[in-house]
C-alpha atoms as a PDB file:
ATOM      1  CA  MET A   1       0.000   0.000   0.000  1.00  0.00           C
ATOM      2  CA  ASP A   2       1.421   3.390  -0.907  1.00  0.00           C
ATOM      3  CA  ALA A   3       1.053   6.540   1.182  1.00  0.00           C
ATOM      4  CA  LEU A   4      -1.856   7.971  -0.812  1.00  0.00           C
ATOM      5  CA  GLU A   5      -3.751   4.707  -0.593  1.00  0.00           C
ATOM      6  CA  ALA A   6      -3.180   4.572   3.185  1.00  0.00           C
ATOM      7  CA  ILE A   7      -4.491   8.143   3.458  1.00  0.00           C
ATOM      8  CA  LYS A   8      -7.596   7.262   1.440  1.00  0.00           C
ATOM      9  CA  GLU A   9      -8.222   4.033   3.376  1.00  0.00           C
ATOM     10  CA  ARG A  10      -7.594   5.256   6.936  1.00  0.00           C
ATOM     11  CA  ARG A  11     -10.687   5.252   9.157  1.00  0.00           C
ATOM     12  CA  SER A  12     -11.477   5.920  12.807  1.00  0.00           C
ATOM     13  CA  ILE A  13     -11.870   2.438  14.264  1.00  0.00           C
ATOM     14  CA  ARG A  14     -14.074   1.996  17.315  1.00  0.00           C
ATOM     15  CA  SER A  15     -14.347  -1.791  17.445  1.00  0.00           C
ATOM     16  CA  TYR A  16     -11.376  -4.134  17.780  1.00  0.00           C
ATOM     17  CA  GLU A  17     -10.837  -7.881  17.583  1.00  0.00           C
ATOM     18  CA  ASP A  18      -9.721  -9.664  20.722  1.00  0.00           C
ATOM     19  CA  ARG A  19      -6.304 -10.246  19.172  1.00  0.00           C
ATOM     20  CA  GLU A  20      -2.850  -9.075  20.198  1.00  0.00           C
ATOM     21  CA  VAL A  21      -0.816  -6.782  17.974  1.00  0.00           C
ATOM     22  CA  GLU A  22       2.437  -8.428  16.961  1.00  0.00           C
ATOM     23  CA  GLU A  23       5.542  -6.834  18.464  1.00  0.00           C
ATOM     24  CA  GLU A  24       7.040  -6.234  15.011  1.00  0.00           C
ATOM     25  CA  LYS A  25       3.960  -4.331  13.842  1.00  0.00           C
ATOM     26  CA  LEU A  26       3.776  -2.302  17.043  1.00  0.00           C
ATOM     27  CA  THR A  27       7.441  -1.377  16.659  1.00  0.00           C
ATOM     28  CA  GLN A  28       6.847  -0.289  13.051  1.00  0.00           C
ATOM     29  CA  VAL A  29       3.949   1.939  14.112  1.00  0.00           C
ATOM     30  CA  LEU A  30       5.972   3.517  16.924  1.00  0.00           C
ATOM     31  CA  ASP A  31       8.955   3.990  14.633  1.00  0.00           C
ATOM     32  CA  ALA A  32       6.750   5.843  12.145  1.00  0.00           C
ATOM     33  CA  GLY A  33       5.953   8.311  14.930  1.00  0.00           C
ATOM     34  CA  ARG A  34       9.595   8.586  15.918  1.00  0.00           C
ATOM     35  CA  LEU A  35      10.561   9.471  12.350  1.00  0.00           C
ATOM     36  CA  ALA A  36       8.064  12.330  12.032  1.00  0.00           C
ATOM     37  CA  PRO A  37       9.343  15.847  11.410  1.00  0.00           C
ATOM     38  CA  SER A  38       9.203  18.417  14.192  1.00  0.00           C
ATOM     39  CA  ALA A  39       9.870  22.144  14.549  1.00  0.00           C
ATOM     40  CA  GLY A  40      13.602  22.648  14.867  1.00  0.00           C
ATOM     41  CA  ASN A  41      13.935  18.847  15.039  1.00  0.00           C
ATOM     42  CA  ARG A  42      12.910  19.141  18.711  1.00  0.00           C
ATOM     43  CA  GLN A  43      11.297  15.674  18.797  1.00  0.00           C
ATOM     44  CA  GLU A  44       9.499  16.635  21.987  1.00  0.00           C
ATOM     45  CA  TRP A  45       7.389  13.488  22.104  1.00  0.00           C
ATOM     46  CA  LYS A  46       7.302  10.374  24.212  1.00  0.00           C
ATOM     47  CA  PHE A  47       4.854   7.535  23.544  1.00  0.00           C
ATOM     48  CA  VAL A  48       3.475   5.535  26.470  1.00  0.00           C
ATOM     49  CA  VAL A  49       2.379   2.104  25.217  1.00  0.00           C
ATOM     50  CA  VAL A  50      -0.398   0.625  27.337  1.00  0.00           C
ATOM     51  CA  ARG A  51      -1.092  -3.085  26.921  1.00  0.00           C
ATOM     52  CA  ASP A  52      -2.138  -3.972  30.467  1.00  0.00           C
ATOM     53  CA  LYS A  53      -5.860  -4.774  30.429  1.00  0.00           C
ATOM     54  CA  GLU A  54      -6.522  -3.227  33.833  1.00  0.00           C
ATOM     55  CA  LEU A  55      -4.808   0.025  32.867  1.00  0.00           C
ATOM     56  CA  ARG A  56      -6.698   0.128  29.573  1.00  0.00           C
ATOM     57  CA  GLY A  57      -9.911  -0.270  31.559  1.00  0.00           C
ATOM     58  CA  GLN A  58      -8.958   2.681  33.709  1.00  0.00           C
ATOM     59  CA  LEU A  59      -8.276   4.704  30.573  1.00  0.00           C
ATOM     60  CA  VAL A  60     -11.894   4.048  29.516  1.00  0.00           C
ATOM     61  CA  GLU A  61     -13.033   6.017  32.546  1.00  0.00           C
ATOM     62  CA  ALA A  62     -10.556   8.813  31.779  1.00  0.00           C
ATOM     63  CA  ALA A  63     -11.824   8.853  28.167  1.00  0.00           C
ATOM     64  CA  SER A  64     -15.436   9.720  28.999  1.00  0.00           C
ATOM     65  CA  GLY A  65     -16.481   6.060  29.152  1.00  0.00           C
ATOM     66  CA  GLN A  66     -15.541   5.237  25.539  1.00  0.00           C
ATOM     67  CA  GLN A  67     -15.480   1.449  25.884  1.00  0.00           C
ATOM     68  CA  PHE A  68     -13.555   0.762  22.687  1.00  0.00           C
ATOM     69  CA  VAL A  69     -10.497   2.438  24.237  1.00  0.00           C
ATOM     70  CA  GLY A  70     -10.244  -0.508  26.625  1.00  0.00           C
ATOM     71  CA  GLU A  71     -11.148  -3.083  23.971  1.00  0.00           C
ATOM     72  CA  ALA A  72      -8.159  -2.213  21.792  1.00  0.00           C
ATOM     73  CA  PRO A  73      -5.216  -4.440  22.734  1.00  0.00           C
ATOM     74  CA  VAL A  74      -2.887  -1.418  22.733  1.00  0.00           C
ATOM     75  CA  VAL A  75      -3.412   2.225  23.604  1.00  0.00           C
ATOM     76  CA  ILE A  76      -0.603   4.567  22.613  1.00  0.00           C
ATOM     77  CA  VAL A  77      -0.535   7.723  24.709  1.00  0.00           C
ATOM     78  CA  PRO A  78       1.411  10.398  22.794  1.00  0.00           C
ATOM     79  CA  CYS A  79       2.868  12.981  25.156  1.00  0.00           C
ATOM     80  CA  ALA A  80       4.937  16.152  24.865  1.00  0.00           C
ATOM     81  CA  VAL A  81       7.862  16.303  27.273  1.00  0.00           C
ATOM     82  CA  ASP A  82       8.750  19.836  26.202  1.00  0.00           C
ATOM     83  CA  HIS A  83       5.819  22.127  25.581  1.00  0.00           C
ATOM     84  CA  ASP A  84       7.268  25.600  26.063  1.00  0.00           C
ATOM     85  CA  HIS A  85       8.498  26.243  22.525  1.00  0.00           C
ATOM     86  CA  VAL A  86       6.316  28.595  20.491  1.00  0.00           C
ATOM     87  CA  MET A  87       6.885  28.862  16.757  1.00  0.00           C
ATOM     88  CA  SER A  88       7.314  32.313  15.217  1.00  0.00           C
ATOM     89  CA  CYS A  89       3.747  32.030  13.885  1.00  0.00           C
ATOM     90  CA  GLY A  90       2.520  32.025  17.480  1.00  0.00           C
ATOM     91  CA  HIS A  91       1.511  28.359  17.748  1.00  0.00           C
ATOM     92  CA  PRO A  92       2.975  26.014  20.351  1.00  0.00           C
ATOM     93  CA  SER A  93       5.122  23.563  18.424  1.00  0.00           C
ATOM     94  CA  PHE A  94       4.293  20.514  20.533  1.00  0.00           C
ATOM     95  CA  LEU A  95       0.672  20.356  19.387  1.00  0.00           C
ATOM     96  CA  VAL A  96       1.654  20.401  15.727  1.00  0.00           C
ATOM     97  CA  ASP A  97       4.673  18.118  16.132  1.00  0.00           C
ATOM     98  CA  VAL A  98       2.945  15.443  18.180  1.00  0.00           C
ATOM     99  CA  ALA A  99      -0.047  15.544  15.812  1.00  0.00           C
ATOM    100  CA  ILE A 100       2.290  14.865  12.887  1.00  0.00           C
ATOM    101  CA  ALA A 101       3.824  11.925  14.773  1.00  0.00           C
ATOM    102  CA  ILE A 102       0.349  10.556  15.547  1.00  0.00           C
ATOM    103  CA  ASP A 103      -0.675  10.872  11.918  1.00  0.00           C
ATOM    104  CA  HIS A 104       2.445   9.003  10.820  1.00  0.00           C
ATOM    105  CA  MET A 105       1.478   6.234  13.258  1.00  0.00           C
ATOM    106  CA  THR A 106      -2.115   6.071  12.003  1.00  0.00           C
ATOM    107  CA  LEU A 107      -0.966   5.713   8.399  1.00  0.00           C
ATOM    108  CA  ALA A 108       1.638   3.076   9.263  1.00  0.00           C
ATOM    109  CA  ALA A 109      -1.019   1.200  11.216  1.00  0.00           C
ATOM    110  CA  ARG A 110      -3.382   1.249   8.232  1.00  0.00           C
ATOM    111  CA  GLU A 111      -0.684  -0.098   5.957  1.00  0.00           C
ATOM    112  CA  LEU A 112      -0.124  -2.957   8.430  1.00  0.00           C
ATOM    113  CA  GLY A 113      -3.820  -3.849   8.591  1.00  0.00           C
ATOM    114  CA  LEU A 114      -4.320  -2.200  11.971  1.00  0.00           C
ATOM    115  CA  GLY A 115      -6.867   0.397  12.980  1.00  0.00           C
ATOM    116  CA  THR A 116      -6.626   3.484  15.173  1.00  0.00           C
ATOM    117  CA  CYS A 117      -8.816   6.303  16.410  1.00  0.00           C
ATOM    118  CA  TRP A 118      -7.703   9.751  17.555  1.00  0.00           C
ATOM    119  CA  ILE A 119      -9.148  10.346  21.020  1.00  0.00           C
ATOM    120  CA  GLY A 120      -9.213  13.913  22.271  1.00  0.00           C
ATOM    121  CA  ALA A 121     -12.111  13.422  24.686  1.00  0.00           C
ATOM    122  CA  PHE A 122     -10.251  12.513  27.866  1.00  0.00           C
ATOM    123  CA  ASP A 123      -9.373  13.902  31.263  1.00  0.00           C
ATOM    124  CA  GLN A 124      -5.667  14.671  31.050  1.00  0.00           C
ATOM    125  CA  GLN A 125      -5.095  14.610  34.809  1.00  0.00           C
ATOM    126  CA  LYS A 126      -6.777  11.213  35.164  1.00  0.00           C
ATOM    127  CA  VAL A 127      -4.606   9.801  32.363  1.00  0.00           C
ATOM    128  CA  LYS A 128      -1.493  11.201  34.057  1.00  0.00           C
ATOM    129  CA  ASP A 129      -2.520   9.691  37.394  1.00  0.00           C
ATOM    130  CA  ILE A 130      -3.276   6.277  35.878  1.00  0.00           C
ATOM    131  CA  LEU A 131       0.007   6.059  33.958  1.00  0.00           C
ATOM    132  CA  GLY A 132       2.324   7.924  36.340  1.00  0.00           C
ATOM    133  CA  ILE A 133       2.985  10.690  33.829  1.00  0.00           C
ATOM    134  CA  PRO A 134       4.730  13.692  35.421  1.00  0.00           C
ATOM    135  CA  ALA A 135       2.820  16.946  35.843  1.00  0.00           C
ATOM    136  CA  SER A 136       5.315  18.702  33.560  1.00  0.00           C
ATOM    137  CA  VAL A 137       4.323  16.492  30.582  1.00  0.00           C
ATOM    138  CA  GLU A 138       1.347  17.169  28.284  1.00  0.00           C
ATOM    139  CA  VAL A 139      -0.840  14.244  27.191  1.00  0.00           C
ATOM    140  CA  VAL A 140      -1.846  15.191  23.652  1.00  0.00           C
ATOM    141  CA  GLU A 141      -4.144  12.349  22.555  1.00  0.00           C
ATOM    142  CA  LEU A 142      -5.017   8.707  23.172  1.00  0.00           C
ATOM    143  CA  LEU A 143      -4.526   6.353  20.236  1.00  0.00           C
ATOM    144  CA  PRO A 144      -6.154   2.911  20.503  1.00  0.00           C
ATOM    145  CA  LEU A 145      -4.488   0.400  18.176  1.00  0.00           C
ATOM    146  CA  GLY A 146      -5.592  -3.046  17.089  1.00  0.00           C
ATOM    147  CA  TYR A 147      -7.206  -5.199  14.453  1.00  0.00           C
ATOM    148  CA  PRO A 148     -10.595  -3.746  13.451  1.00  0.00           C
ATOM    149  CA  THR A 149     -13.654  -5.963  13.559  1.00  0.00           C
ATOM    150  CA  SER A 150     -14.571  -4.270  10.254  1.00  0.00           C
ATOM    151  CA  TRP A 151     -13.445  -1.411   8.027  1.00  0.00           C
ATOM    152  CA  PRO A 152     -16.063   1.322   7.828  1.00  0.00           C
ATOM    153  CA  GLY A 153     -16.785   2.868   4.473  1.00  0.00           C
ATOM    154  CA  PRO A 154     -15.601   6.357   3.580  1.00  0.00           C
ATOM    155  CA  ARG A 155     -17.190   9.326   5.280  1.00  0.00           C
ATOM    156  CA  PRO A 156     -18.322  12.328   3.244  1.00  0.00           C
ATOM    157  CA  ARG A 157     -15.529  14.802   2.509  1.00  0.00           C
ATOM    158  CA  ARG A 158     -15.820  18.313   1.202  1.00  0.00           C
ATOM    159  CA  SER A 159     -14.643  18.797  -2.378  1.00  0.00           C
ATOM    160  CA  LEU A 160     -11.310  20.414  -3.252  1.00  0.00           C
ATOM    161  CA  ASP A 161     -13.216  23.419  -4.619  1.00  0.00           C
ATOM    162  CA  GLU A 162     -14.659  23.982  -1.139  1.00  0.00           C
ATOM    163  CA  VAL A 163     -11.357  23.800   0.742  1.00  0.00           C
ATOM    164  CA  VAL A 164      -8.747  25.217  -1.641  1.00  0.00           C
ATOM    165  CA  CYS A 165      -8.188  28.707  -2.989  1.00  0.00           C
ATOM    166  CA  TYR A 166      -5.207  29.907  -4.991  1.00  0.00           C
ATOM    167  CA  ASP A 167      -3.009  32.959  -4.446  1.00  0.00           C
ATOM    168  CA  ARG A 168      -5.582  34.778  -2.259  1.00  0.00           C
ATOM    169  CA  TRP A 169      -8.359  33.931   0.152  1.00  0.00           C
ATOM    170  CA  ALA A 170     -11.678  33.342  -1.585  1.00  0.00           C
ATOM    171  CA  ASP A 171     -15.075  32.535  -0.080  1.00  0.00           C
END
């Protein structure tokens, strides 16, 4: 599968098989995140890999009761260990950089036949308490990972004409 095909085929998966993710595949997914670009090559991320069933169950509570978080055999918790850097455009770099790393992981997962789902609905302090993450670290997302029970069809997307303008802003 090439990159464009992985982009077209990626879906948010909310139902996982009761099947472990092979170590080799997990390593490939994590390595895809590690290889992502970052502002000034800061690489301010750290990925907490949660496989323990009890901990995953606790993460369900921290994630507003989203049961599929605990059903996935792996939950990757992408964190930012350095979150003070602000790019000259005014945006904090860690949010952009960690998002790029997560996206790399989601596309690698899709290529490997695995599914993921970006989870932003969670209580950051609860996640930190459950996983022993220091107060100085930012939890950016939760990323369940596993074999989907099915691949959903494509969701509607706006056309290029609706989202692209050339040379100047156009409504």
